[in-house]
């Protein structure tokens, strides 16, 4: 799973990291966020600038194979769902089933794969003898900006405007994440820069081979306070390390 993450940077840094030209940037009111959570289930997308929805930056290929930096609603709204966020979770797509599951197979079939920038993500650890879970902040040890593998879909709002939505692809946990996300042992698919083009390209088999656990030695994890448990809490002290409960 990857149900909560952060982007602690600005649009200029994203453009530099992903080599995006100015004319290919179409993101709406982007600002850094310490605590990004998916849009509320069964929310209807009434307008393209609906402020009640979670929108995140995604990098994808345009019709002429140019790199685009755009805003997308999180989670993914399947093409058959119209303009309503499904009542079931589509924030994450399991790599093992995304090629055939109805919510994601259209995006996969059409090679609608994207990169989802992040500077870190959160998971919760079950602690023996404790009633509450211990939250952790996980980030790359060397790269300030990571790229999650994602899928995107196109939809139409109630007023007829077009919008994009997306999901984060997940895979089985590596050894580090097995200890932290010890309820269902999952983690987001993290892609290194040399693999970005292959993930977004037309070769689906090559892309599927990239949906594997990321090397644990390139990841760092800090125990943090339960402030992060509240989706509306969006302050820097979300990231302050604490002593774990065990």
Protein backbone atom coordinates (compact mmCIF):
# COMPACT_ATOMS: atom_id res chain seq x y z
CA UNK A 1 0.00 0.00 0.00
CA UNK A 2 0.83 3.66 -0.26
CA UNK A 3 -2.08 5.63 1.09
CA UNK A 4 -0.23 8.70 2.33
CA UNK A 5 2.85 10.55 1.08
CA UNK A 6 4.51 13.96 0.85
CA UNK A 7 5.94 16.30 -1.77
CA UNK A 8 8.29 18.75 -0.05
CA UNK A 9 9.50 20.65 -3.08
CA UNK A 10 8.24 23.08 -5.71
CA UNK A 11 7.28 22.99 -9.38
CA UNK A 12 10.69 24.27 -10.53
CA UNK A 13 12.45 21.38 -8.81
CA UNK A 14 10.07 18.91 -10.42
CA UNK A 15 10.67 20.43 -13.84
CA UNK A 16 14.42 20.14 -13.35
CA UNK A 17 14.31 16.59 -11.98
CA UNK A 18 12.12 15.23 -14.77
CA UNK A 19 13.47 17.52 -17.52
CA UNK A 20 10.11 19.15 -18.27
CA UNK A 21 9.94 22.16 -20.59
CA UNK A 22 7.97 25.24 -19.47
CA UNK A 23 5.37 24.87 -22.21
CA UNK A 24 4.60 21.33 -21.05
CA UNK A 25 3.67 22.24 -17.48
CA UNK A 26 -0.03 22.15 -16.64
CA UNK A 27 -0.31 21.91 -12.88
CA UNK A 28 -2.85 23.81 -10.82
CA UNK A 29 -1.89 25.68 -7.65
CA UNK A 30 0.83 23.21 -6.71
CA UNK A 31 2.51 23.68 -3.35
CA UNK A 32 4.45 21.38 -1.07
CA UNK A 33 2.44 19.19 1.25
CA UNK A 34 3.51 17.15 4.27
CA UNK A 35 0.47 14.90 4.35
CA UNK A 36 -1.24 13.96 1.08
CA UNK A 37 -4.22 11.62 1.28
CA UNK A 38 -6.62 10.44 -1.45
CA UNK A 39 -9.87 12.20 -2.30
CA UNK A 40 -12.92 11.14 -0.32
CA UNK A 41 -14.69 8.11 -1.78
CA UNK A 42 -17.85 8.68 -3.84
CA UNK A 43 -17.00 12.36 -4.37
CA UNK A 44 -18.34 13.66 -7.68
CA UNK A 45 -15.97 15.65 -9.88
CA UNK A 46 -18.16 18.62 -10.74
CA UNK A 47 -15.56 20.94 -12.27
CA UNK A 48 -11.94 20.61 -13.38
CA UNK A 49 -10.81 23.00 -10.61
CA UNK A 50 -12.83 21.35 -7.83
CA UNK A 51 -10.94 22.23 -4.64
CA UNK A 52 -12.57 19.41 -2.69
CA UNK A 53 -10.47 16.81 -4.47
CA UNK A 54 -6.88 15.73 -3.89
CA UNK A 55 -4.76 16.67 -6.90
CA UNK A 56 -1.14 15.70 -7.28
CA UNK A 57 1.49 16.29 -9.99
CA UNK A 58 2.15 13.47 -12.45
CA UNK A 59 4.65 13.11 -15.28
CA UNK A 60 3.39 11.39 -18.42
CA UNK A 61 3.99 11.21 -22.16
CA UNK A 62 1.92 13.41 -24.46
CA UNK A 63 0.60 12.53 -27.91
CA UNK A 64 3.94 13.45 -29.48
CA UNK A 65 5.95 11.63 -26.80
CA UNK A 66 6.81 14.90 -25.05
CA UNK A 67 7.06 14.85 -21.27
CA UNK A 68 4.15 16.60 -19.56
CA UNK A 69 3.85 17.71 -15.93
CA UNK A 70 0.15 17.82 -15.09
CA UNK A 71 -2.30 17.73 -12.22
CA UNK A 72 -4.25 14.54 -11.63
CA UNK A 73 -6.92 13.57 -9.15
CA UNK A 74 -5.85 10.90 -6.68
CA UNK A 75 -7.19 8.19 -6.62
CA UNK A 76 -7.86 6.88 -10.13
CA UNK A 77 -11.40 7.14 -11.47
CA UNK A 78 -11.95 4.26 -13.93
CA UNK A 79 -13.23 5.35 -17.36
CA UNK A 80 -16.50 3.50 -16.72
CA UNK A 81 -17.09 5.30 -13.39
CA UNK A 82 -17.98 8.61 -15.06
CA UNK A 83 -17.05 11.48 -12.77
CA UNK A 84 -17.36 9.82 -9.37
CA UNK A 85 -14.54 8.61 -7.13
CA UNK A 86 -15.38 4.92 -6.57
CA UNK A 87 -16.71 3.71 -3.22
CA UNK A 88 -13.87 1.15 -3.17
CA UNK A 89 -10.23 2.24 -2.96
CA UNK A 90 -8.36 2.89 -6.20
CA UNK A 91 -5.50 4.82 -4.57
CA UNK A 92 -3.22 1.85 -5.20
CA UNK A 93 -3.07 -0.71 -8.00
CA UNK A 94 -1.47 -4.03 -7.18
CA UNK A 95 1.14 -4.83 -9.83
CA UNK A 96 0.13 -8.48 -9.79
CA UNK A 97 -3.44 -7.73 -10.89
CA UNK A 98 -3.40 -4.28 -12.55
CA UNK A 99 -3.21 -5.78 -16.05
CA UNK A 100 -6.55 -7.55 -15.64
CA UNK A 101 -8.50 -5.80 -12.87
CA UNK A 102 -11.43 -3.80 -14.35
CA UNK A 103 -10.40 -0.55 -12.62
CA UNK A 104 -6.93 -0.49 -14.18
CA UNK A 105 -6.80 -2.71 -17.27
CA UNK A 106 -7.91 0.04 -19.65
CA UNK A 107 -5.08 2.30 -18.49
CA UNK A 108 -2.63 -0.58 -18.72
CA UNK A 109 -3.82 -1.68 -22.17
CA UNK A 110 -3.45 1.87 -23.51
CA UNK A 111 0.01 2.28 -21.92
CA UNK A 112 -1.31 5.12 -19.77
CA UNK A 113 1.56 4.84 -17.32
CA UNK A 114 2.99 7.81 -15.45
CA UNK A 115 5.46 8.87 -12.80
CA UNK A 116 4.18 10.24 -9.50
CA UNK A 117 6.75 12.50 -7.79
CA UNK A 118 7.22 12.17 -4.04
CA UNK A 119 9.79 13.07 -1.43
CA UNK A 120 8.63 10.46 1.07
CA UNK A 121 5.74 8.25 2.10
CA UNK A 122 4.20 6.89 5.28
CA UNK A 123 3.32 3.46 6.60
CA UNK A 124 2.05 2.16 9.91
CA UNK A 125 3.63 -0.67 11.89
CA UNK A 126 1.77 -3.05 14.16
CA UNK A 127 3.62 -3.11 17.49
CA UNK A 128 3.19 -6.10 19.74
CA UNK A 129 1.55 -5.13 23.01
CA UNK A 130 0.50 -1.70 21.73
CA UNK A 131 -3.04 -0.69 20.76
CA UNK A 132 -1.95 1.95 18.27
CA UNK A 133 0.29 1.51 15.26
CA UNK A 134 3.67 3.22 14.96
CA UNK A 135 3.83 5.55 11.91
CA UNK A 136 7.04 5.71 9.86
CA UNK A 137 8.35 8.18 7.30
CA UNK A 138 10.19 6.42 4.47
CA UNK A 139 12.32 8.24 1.90
CA UNK A 140 15.20 7.74 -0.50
CA UNK A 141 18.63 7.81 1.10
CA UNK A 142 20.23 9.78 -1.74
CA UNK A 143 17.62 11.19 -4.13
CA UNK A 144 15.56 14.14 -2.81
CA UNK A 145 12.74 13.38 -5.23
CA UNK A 146 11.48 9.85 -5.92
CA UNK A 147 9.23 8.63 -8.70
CA UNK A 148 6.45 6.16 -7.94
CA UNK A 149 5.13 4.07 -10.81
CA UNK A 150 1.58 5.13 -11.62
CA UNK A 151 -1.32 4.64 -14.00
CA UNK A 152 -3.49 7.47 -15.27
CA UNK A 153 -6.97 7.71 -16.70
CA UNK A 154 -8.90 10.43 -18.47
CA UNK A 155 -12.44 11.47 -17.47
CA UNK A 156 -15.04 14.15 -17.96
CA UNK A 157 -16.53 16.37 -15.23
CA UNK A 158 -20.19 17.13 -14.63
CA UNK A 159 -19.80 20.35 -16.63
CA UNK A 160 -18.08 18.57 -19.53
CA UNK A 161 -14.44 19.47 -18.80
CA UNK A 162 -11.69 16.86 -19.12
CA UNK A 163 -9.64 15.72 -16.12
CA UNK A 164 -6.90 13.24 -15.31
CA UNK A 165 -6.82 10.84 -12.36
CA UNK A 166 -4.12 8.44 -11.18
CA UNK A 167 -3.17 5.55 -8.94
CA UNK A 168 0.11 4.44 -7.35
CA UNK A 169 1.30 0.98 -8.34
CA UNK A 170 2.41 -1.26 -5.48
CA UNK A 171 4.42 -4.46 -5.17
CA UNK A 172 5.51 -6.82 -2.42
CA UNK A 173 7.58 -5.30 0.38
CA UNK A 174 11.36 -5.44 0.56
CA UNK A 175 13.05 -6.53 3.81
CA UNK A 176 12.86 -3.01 5.33
CA UNK A 177 9.20 -2.55 4.46
CA UNK A 178 8.29 -6.04 5.69
CA UNK A 179 9.28 -4.89 9.18
CA UNK A 180 7.38 -1.61 8.93
CA UNK A 181 4.29 -2.46 6.89
CA UNK A 182 3.82 -5.71 8.75
CA UNK A 183 0.07 -5.96 8.18
CA UNK A 184 0.03 -6.75 4.46
CA UNK A 185 3.69 -6.39 3.37
CA UNK A 186 3.34 -3.98 0.45
CA UNK A 187 5.24 -0.94 -0.82
CA UNK A 188 5.01 1.48 -3.77
CA UNK A 189 6.94 0.66 -6.92
CA UNK A 190 9.85 3.15 -6.94
CA UNK A 191 11.61 3.76 -10.24
CA UNK A 192 15.17 4.96 -10.80
CA UNK A 193 15.70 7.66 -13.46
CA UNK A 194 17.16 5.20 -15.98
CA UNK A 195 13.86 3.29 -15.91
CA UNK A 196 11.44 6.20 -16.21
CA UNK A 197 11.24 6.02 -19.99
CA UNK A 198 10.70 2.27 -20.01
CA UNK A 199 7.84 2.55 -17.53
CA UNK A 200 6.03 5.18 -19.60
CA UNK A 201 6.86 3.62 -22.97
CA UNK A 202 4.75 1.38 -25.17
CA UNK A 203 6.46 -1.90 -24.24
CA UNK A 204 4.13 -3.29 -21.58
CA UNK A 205 6.22 -6.37 -20.87
CA UNK A 206 9.29 -4.25 -20.23
CA UNK A 207 7.27 -1.97 -17.95
CA UNK A 208 5.86 -4.90 -16.01
CA UNK A 209 9.37 -6.15 -15.26
CA UNK A 210 10.02 -2.89 -13.38
CA UNK A 211 7.22 -3.50 -10.86
CA UNK A 212 9.52 -5.04 -8.25
CA UNK A 213 10.58 -4.18 -4.67
CA UNK A 214 13.07 -1.33 -4.40
CA UNK A 215 16.50 -2.07 -2.85
CA UNK A 216 16.24 -1.57 0.90
CA UNK A 217 19.79 -0.24 1.17
CA UNK A 218 18.73 2.86 -0.77
CA UNK A 219 15.87 3.69 1.62
CA UNK A 220 15.76 5.37 5.02
CA UNK A 221 12.93 5.13 7.55
CA UNK A 222 12.25 7.25 10.64
CA UNK A 223 9.60 6.61 13.31
CA UNK A 224 7.39 9.71 13.62
CA UNK A 225 4.57 10.90 15.85
CA UNK A 226 0.91 9.98 15.45
CA UNK A 227 0.18 13.52 14.24
CA UNK A 228 0.42 12.07 10.75
CA UNK A 229 -2.62 9.90 11.50
CA UNK A 230 -4.89 12.87 10.84
CA UNK A 231 -5.21 13.59 7.08
CA UNK A 232 -5.93 17.27 7.72
CA UNK A 233 -2.71 17.77 9.68
CA UNK A 234 -0.17 19.28 7.29
CA UNK A 235 2.73 20.78 9.22
CA UNK A 236 6.54 20.30 9.18
CA UNK A 237 6.56 18.55 12.56
CA UNK A 238 4.88 15.61 10.86
CA UNK A 239 8.41 14.53 10.00
CA UNK A 240 10.05 14.98 13.40
CA UNK A 241 11.64 11.64 14.40
CA UNK A 242 10.51 10.12 17.71
CA UNK A 243 11.50 7.13 19.80
CA UNK A 244 9.55 4.12 18.52
CA UNK A 245 7.02 2.41 20.82
CA UNK A 246 9.16 -0.70 21.08
